[in-house]
Amino acid sequence: MVDEENTLVLTDEDGNEHQFSLLDFFEVDEQEYAILLPLEEDTEEAIILKVGLDDNGEEILYEIEDDEEWEAVAAAWQAAMLEDDDEENEE
């Protein structure tokens, strides 16, 4: 569930709700991913979740289980952030 402020409320496997700020959506190898920052914890470390479809065809976010896929996605997002920083510094 997303509201106007780009805040997501996700429910874990134990039924606990957690709030996240949606930082970005991006695509790697034709697969979409979401970058989220936990709002409840004292951390500035973002998490990456894969965007997929459930049995009803509705979008869901879930963990990336393959280590190689996770590494590739994290590297792609980090490279995109460095590119954005470079563009801002040029202006």
N, C-alpha and C. Protein backbone atom coordinates (compact mmCIF):
# COMPACT_ATOMS: atom_id res chain seq x y z
N MET A 1 0.84 -1.18 0.00
CA MET A 1 0.00 0.00 0.00
C MET A 1 0.89 1.24 0.00
N VAL A 2 0.71 2.15 -0.96
CA VAL A 2 1.52 3.36 -1.08
C VAL A 2 0.63 4.57 -0.89
N ASP A 3 1.08 5.53 -0.07
CA ASP A 3 0.31 6.76 0.05
C ASP A 3 1.02 7.89 -0.68
N GLU A 4 0.52 9.12 -0.55
CA GLU A 4 1.06 10.26 -1.28
C GLU A 4 2.50 10.56 -0.93
N GLU A 5 2.96 10.16 0.22
CA GLU A 5 4.30 10.49 0.68
C GLU A 5 5.31 9.39 0.34
N ASN A 6 4.96 8.47 -0.54
CA ASN A 6 5.83 7.36 -0.92
C ASN A 6 6.19 6.47 0.27
N THR A 7 5.24 6.26 1.15
CA THR A 7 5.44 5.38 2.29
C THR A 7 4.71 4.07 2.02
N LEU A 8 5.43 2.97 2.19
CA LEU A 8 4.86 1.64 2.02
C LEU A 8 4.71 0.99 3.38
N VAL A 9 3.64 0.26 3.56
CA VAL A 9 3.46 -0.55 4.75
C VAL A 9 3.44 -2.00 4.27
N LEU A 10 4.45 -2.76 4.70
CA LEU A 10 4.56 -4.16 4.30
C LEU A 10 4.35 -5.05 5.50
N THR A 11 3.75 -6.20 5.28
CA THR A 11 3.50 -7.17 6.34
C THR A 11 4.43 -8.35 6.16
N ASP A 12 5.16 -8.70 7.25
CA ASP A 12 6.09 -9.82 7.16
C ASP A 12 5.35 -11.15 7.37
N GLU A 13 6.11 -12.25 7.32
CA GLU A 13 5.49 -13.58 7.42
C GLU A 13 4.86 -13.85 8.79
N ASP A 14 5.20 -13.04 9.80
CA ASP A 14 4.61 -13.19 11.13
C ASP A 14 3.40 -12.28 11.34
N GLY A 15 3.04 -11.52 10.30
CA GLY A 15 1.89 -10.63 10.39
C GLY A 15 2.21 -9.26 10.95
N ASN A 16 3.50 -8.94 11.16
CA ASN A 16 3.89 -7.64 11.68
C ASN A 16 4.01 -6.64 10.53
N GLU A 17 3.50 -5.43 10.76
CA GLU A 17 3.57 -4.39 9.75
C GLU A 17 4.83 -3.56 9.94
N HIS A 18 5.46 -3.17 8.82
CA HIS A 18 6.67 -2.36 8.84
C HIS A 18 6.52 -1.25 7.81
N GLN A 19 6.96 -0.03 8.18
CA GLN A 19 6.85 1.11 7.27
C GLN A 19 8.19 1.37 6.60
N PHE A 20 8.11 1.70 5.31
CA PHE A 20 9.29 1.99 4.51
C PHE A 20 9.03 3.22 3.67
N SER A 21 10.08 3.95 3.39
CA SER A 21 10.03 5.03 2.42
C SER A 21 10.50 4.46 1.09
N LEU A 22 9.71 4.66 0.04
CA LEU A 22 10.07 4.20 -1.29
C LEU A 22 11.05 5.18 -1.89
N LEU A 23 12.30 4.75 -2.09
CA LEU A 23 13.32 5.62 -2.65
C LEU A 23 13.33 5.60 -4.17
N ASP A 24 13.11 4.40 -4.75
CA ASP A 24 13.24 4.30 -6.19
C ASP A 24 12.71 2.97 -6.68
N PHE A 25 12.25 2.95 -7.91
CA PHE A 25 12.01 1.73 -8.68
C PHE A 25 13.03 1.74 -9.80
N PHE A 26 13.62 0.61 -10.13
CA PHE A 26 14.51 0.55 -11.27
C PHE A 26 14.52 -0.86 -11.84
N GLU A 27 15.05 -0.98 -13.05
CA GLU A 27 15.00 -2.23 -13.78
C GLU A 27 16.41 -2.75 -14.06
N VAL A 28 16.59 -4.06 -13.88
CA VAL A 28 17.84 -4.74 -14.22
C VAL A 28 17.44 -6.01 -14.97
N ASP A 29 17.99 -6.19 -16.16
CA ASP A 29 17.70 -7.38 -16.97
C ASP A 29 16.20 -7.65 -17.10
N GLU A 30 15.46 -6.59 -17.41
CA GLU A 30 14.01 -6.65 -17.63
C GLU A 30 13.20 -7.07 -16.41
N GLN A 31 13.79 -6.98 -15.21
CA GLN A 31 13.09 -7.27 -13.96
C GLN A 31 13.08 -5.99 -13.13
N GLU A 32 11.93 -5.67 -12.53
CA GLU A 32 11.80 -4.45 -11.74
C GLU A 32 12.10 -4.72 -10.27
N TYR A 33 12.75 -3.72 -9.63
CA TYR A 33 13.12 -3.80 -8.22
C TYR A 33 12.73 -2.50 -7.53
N ALA A 34 12.53 -2.57 -6.22
CA ALA A 34 12.20 -1.40 -5.41
C ALA A 34 13.29 -1.22 -4.36
N ILE A 35 13.69 0.04 -4.15
CA ILE A 35 14.66 0.40 -3.12
C ILE A 35 13.85 1.05 -2.00
N LEU A 36 13.93 0.48 -0.80
CA LEU A 36 13.15 0.95 0.34
C LEU A 36 14.05 1.27 1.52
N LEU A 37 13.69 2.30 2.27
CA LEU A 37 14.40 2.67 3.48
C LEU A 37 13.47 2.45 4.67
N PRO A 38 13.86 1.58 5.62
CA PRO A 38 13.00 1.35 6.79
C PRO A 38 12.82 2.65 7.58
N LEU A 39 11.58 2.95 7.98
CA LEU A 39 11.29 4.15 8.75
C LEU A 39 11.32 3.91 10.24
N GLU A 40 11.12 2.67 10.67
CA GLU A 40 11.00 2.38 12.09
C GLU A 40 12.33 2.17 12.78
N GLU A 41 13.36 1.86 12.04
CA GLU A 41 14.64 1.52 12.64
C GLU A 41 15.62 2.68 12.49
N ASP A 42 16.61 2.72 13.37
CA ASP A 42 17.67 3.72 13.26
C ASP A 42 18.73 3.22 12.30
N THR A 43 18.40 3.24 11.03
CA THR A 43 19.34 2.80 10.01
C THR A 43 19.17 3.66 8.78
N GLU A 44 20.25 3.84 8.08
CA GLU A 44 20.18 4.53 6.80
C GLU A 44 20.50 3.56 5.68
N GLU A 45 20.43 2.26 5.98
CA GLU A 45 20.71 1.23 4.99
C GLU A 45 19.42 0.83 4.29
N ALA A 46 19.40 1.03 3.00
CA ALA A 46 18.23 0.70 2.20
C ALA A 46 18.19 -0.80 1.93
N ILE A 47 17.00 -1.29 1.63
CA ILE A 47 16.84 -2.68 1.23
C ILE A 47 16.32 -2.72 -0.20
N ILE A 48 16.61 -3.82 -0.87
CA ILE A 48 16.17 -4.01 -2.25
C ILE A 48 15.20 -5.18 -2.28
N LEU A 49 14.03 -4.96 -2.84
CA LEU A 49 13.05 -6.02 -3.00
C LEU A 49 12.68 -6.15 -4.47
N LYS A 50 12.39 -7.36 -4.88
CA LYS A 50 12.00 -7.66 -6.25
C LYS A 50 10.50 -7.42 -6.40
N VAL A 51 10.11 -6.86 -7.54
CA VAL A 51 8.70 -6.63 -7.84
C VAL A 51 8.22 -7.81 -8.67
N GLY A 52 7.15 -8.43 -8.24
CA GLY A 52 6.59 -9.56 -8.96
C GLY A 52 5.08 -9.52 -8.92
N LEU A 53 4.47 -10.59 -9.39
CA LEU A 53 3.01 -10.70 -9.39
C LEU A 53 2.60 -11.89 -8.54
N ASP A 54 1.52 -11.71 -7.78
CA ASP A 54 1.00 -12.83 -7.00
C ASP A 54 0.06 -13.66 -7.86
N ASP A 55 -0.59 -14.65 -7.27
CA ASP A 55 -1.49 -15.55 -8.01
C ASP A 55 -2.68 -14.83 -8.62
N ASN A 56 -3.01 -13.64 -8.08
CA ASN A 56 -4.14 -12.87 -8.60
C ASN A 56 -3.70 -11.82 -9.62
N GLY A 57 -2.41 -11.80 -9.96
CA GLY A 57 -1.90 -10.83 -10.91
C GLY A 57 -1.62 -9.47 -10.32
N GLU A 58 -1.62 -9.36 -8.99
CA GLU A 58 -1.35 -8.10 -8.32
C GLU A 58 0.13 -7.99 -8.00
N GLU A 59 0.68 -6.76 -8.09
CA GLU A 59 2.09 -6.56 -7.78
C GLU A 59 2.38 -6.81 -6.31
N ILE A 60 3.49 -7.51 -6.07
CA ILE A 60 3.97 -7.75 -4.71
C ILE A 60 5.47 -7.50 -4.69
N LEU A 61 5.99 -7.28 -3.50
CA LEU A 61 7.42 -7.13 -3.30
C LEU A 61 7.90 -8.32 -2.49
N TYR A 62 9.03 -8.90 -2.90
CA TYR A 62 9.57 -10.03 -2.14
C TYR A 62 11.09 -10.02 -2.18
N GLU A 63 11.68 -10.74 -1.25
CA GLU A 63 13.13 -10.77 -1.12
C GLU A 63 13.77 -11.46 -2.31
N ILE A 64 14.98 -11.01 -2.62
CA ILE A 64 15.78 -11.64 -3.67
C ILE A 64 16.53 -12.79 -3.00
N GLU A 65 16.26 -14.00 -3.42
CA GLU A 65 16.85 -15.17 -2.77
C GLU A 65 18.18 -15.60 -3.38
N ASP A 66 18.42 -15.24 -4.63
CA ASP A 66 19.65 -15.63 -5.31
C ASP A 66 20.74 -14.60 -5.03
N ASP A 67 21.89 -15.04 -4.45
CA ASP A 67 22.97 -14.13 -4.09
C ASP A 67 23.54 -13.40 -5.30
N GLU A 68 23.71 -14.09 -6.41
CA GLU A 68 24.25 -13.46 -7.62
C GLU A 68 23.31 -12.37 -8.14
N GLU A 69 22.01 -12.66 -8.12
CA GLU A 69 21.03 -11.66 -8.57
C GLU A 69 21.08 -10.45 -7.66
N TRP A 70 21.14 -10.68 -6.34
CA TRP A 70 21.17 -9.58 -5.39
C TRP A 70 22.41 -8.71 -5.62
N GLU A 71 23.57 -9.33 -5.79
CA GLU A 71 24.81 -8.60 -6.02
C GLU A 71 24.72 -7.76 -7.30
N ALA A 72 24.15 -8.33 -8.36
CA ALA A 72 24.02 -7.61 -9.64
C ALA A 72 23.09 -6.41 -9.48
N VAL A 73 21.99 -6.59 -8.77
CA VAL A 73 21.02 -5.51 -8.59
C VAL A 73 21.61 -4.42 -7.70
N ALA A 74 22.28 -4.80 -6.61
CA ALA A 74 22.90 -3.82 -5.72
C ALA A 74 23.97 -3.01 -6.46
N ALA A 75 24.77 -3.68 -7.27
CA ALA A 75 25.81 -2.99 -8.04
C ALA A 75 25.19 -2.03 -9.06
N ALA A 76 24.11 -2.45 -9.71
CA ALA A 76 23.44 -1.60 -10.70
C ALA A 76 22.86 -0.36 -10.04
N TRP A 77 22.25 -0.52 -8.86
CA TRP A 77 21.66 0.64 -8.17
C TRP A 77 22.76 1.58 -7.68
N GLN A 78 23.83 1.01 -7.15
CA GLN A 78 24.93 1.84 -6.68
C GLN A 78 25.55 2.62 -7.84
N ALA A 79 25.71 1.98 -8.99
CA ALA A 79 26.25 2.66 -10.17
C ALA A 79 25.31 3.78 -10.61
N ALA A 80 24.01 3.54 -10.55
CA ALA A 80 23.03 4.57 -10.93
C ALA A 80 23.11 5.76 -9.97
N MET A 81 23.31 5.49 -8.69
CA MET A 81 23.42 6.57 -7.71
C MET A 81 24.69 7.39 -7.93
N LEU A 82 25.79 6.73 -8.26
CA LEU A 82 27.04 7.44 -8.55
C LEU A 82 26.90 8.29 -9.80
N GLU A 83 26.20 7.77 -10.80
CA GLU A 83 25.97 8.53 -12.03
C GLU A 83 25.13 9.77 -11.75
N ASP A 84 24.09 9.61 -10.91
CA ASP A 84 23.25 10.75 -10.54
C ASP A 84 24.08 11.80 -9.81
N ASP A 85 24.96 11.36 -8.90
CA ASP A 85 25.83 12.29 -8.17
C ASP A 85 26.74 13.05 -9.12
N ASP A 86 27.30 12.34 -10.09
CA ASP A 86 28.18 12.97 -11.09
C ASP A 86 27.43 14.02 -11.90
N GLU A 87 26.20 13.70 -12.30
CA GLU A 87 25.39 14.65 -13.07
C GLU A 87 25.06 15.89 -12.25
N GLU A 88 24.77 15.71 -10.96
CA GLU A 88 24.47 16.85 -10.09
C GLU A 88 25.70 17.72 -9.91
N ASN A 89 26.88 17.12 -9.81
CA ASN A 89 28.11 17.88 -9.63
C ASN A 89 28.48 18.66 -10.88
N GLU A 90 28.08 18.20 -12.05
CA GLU A 90 28.36 18.88 -13.31
C GLU A 90 27.51 20.13 -13.49
N GLU A 91 26.36 20.16 -12.85
CA GLU A 91 25.43 21.29 -13.03
C GLU A 91 25.81 22.49 -12.24
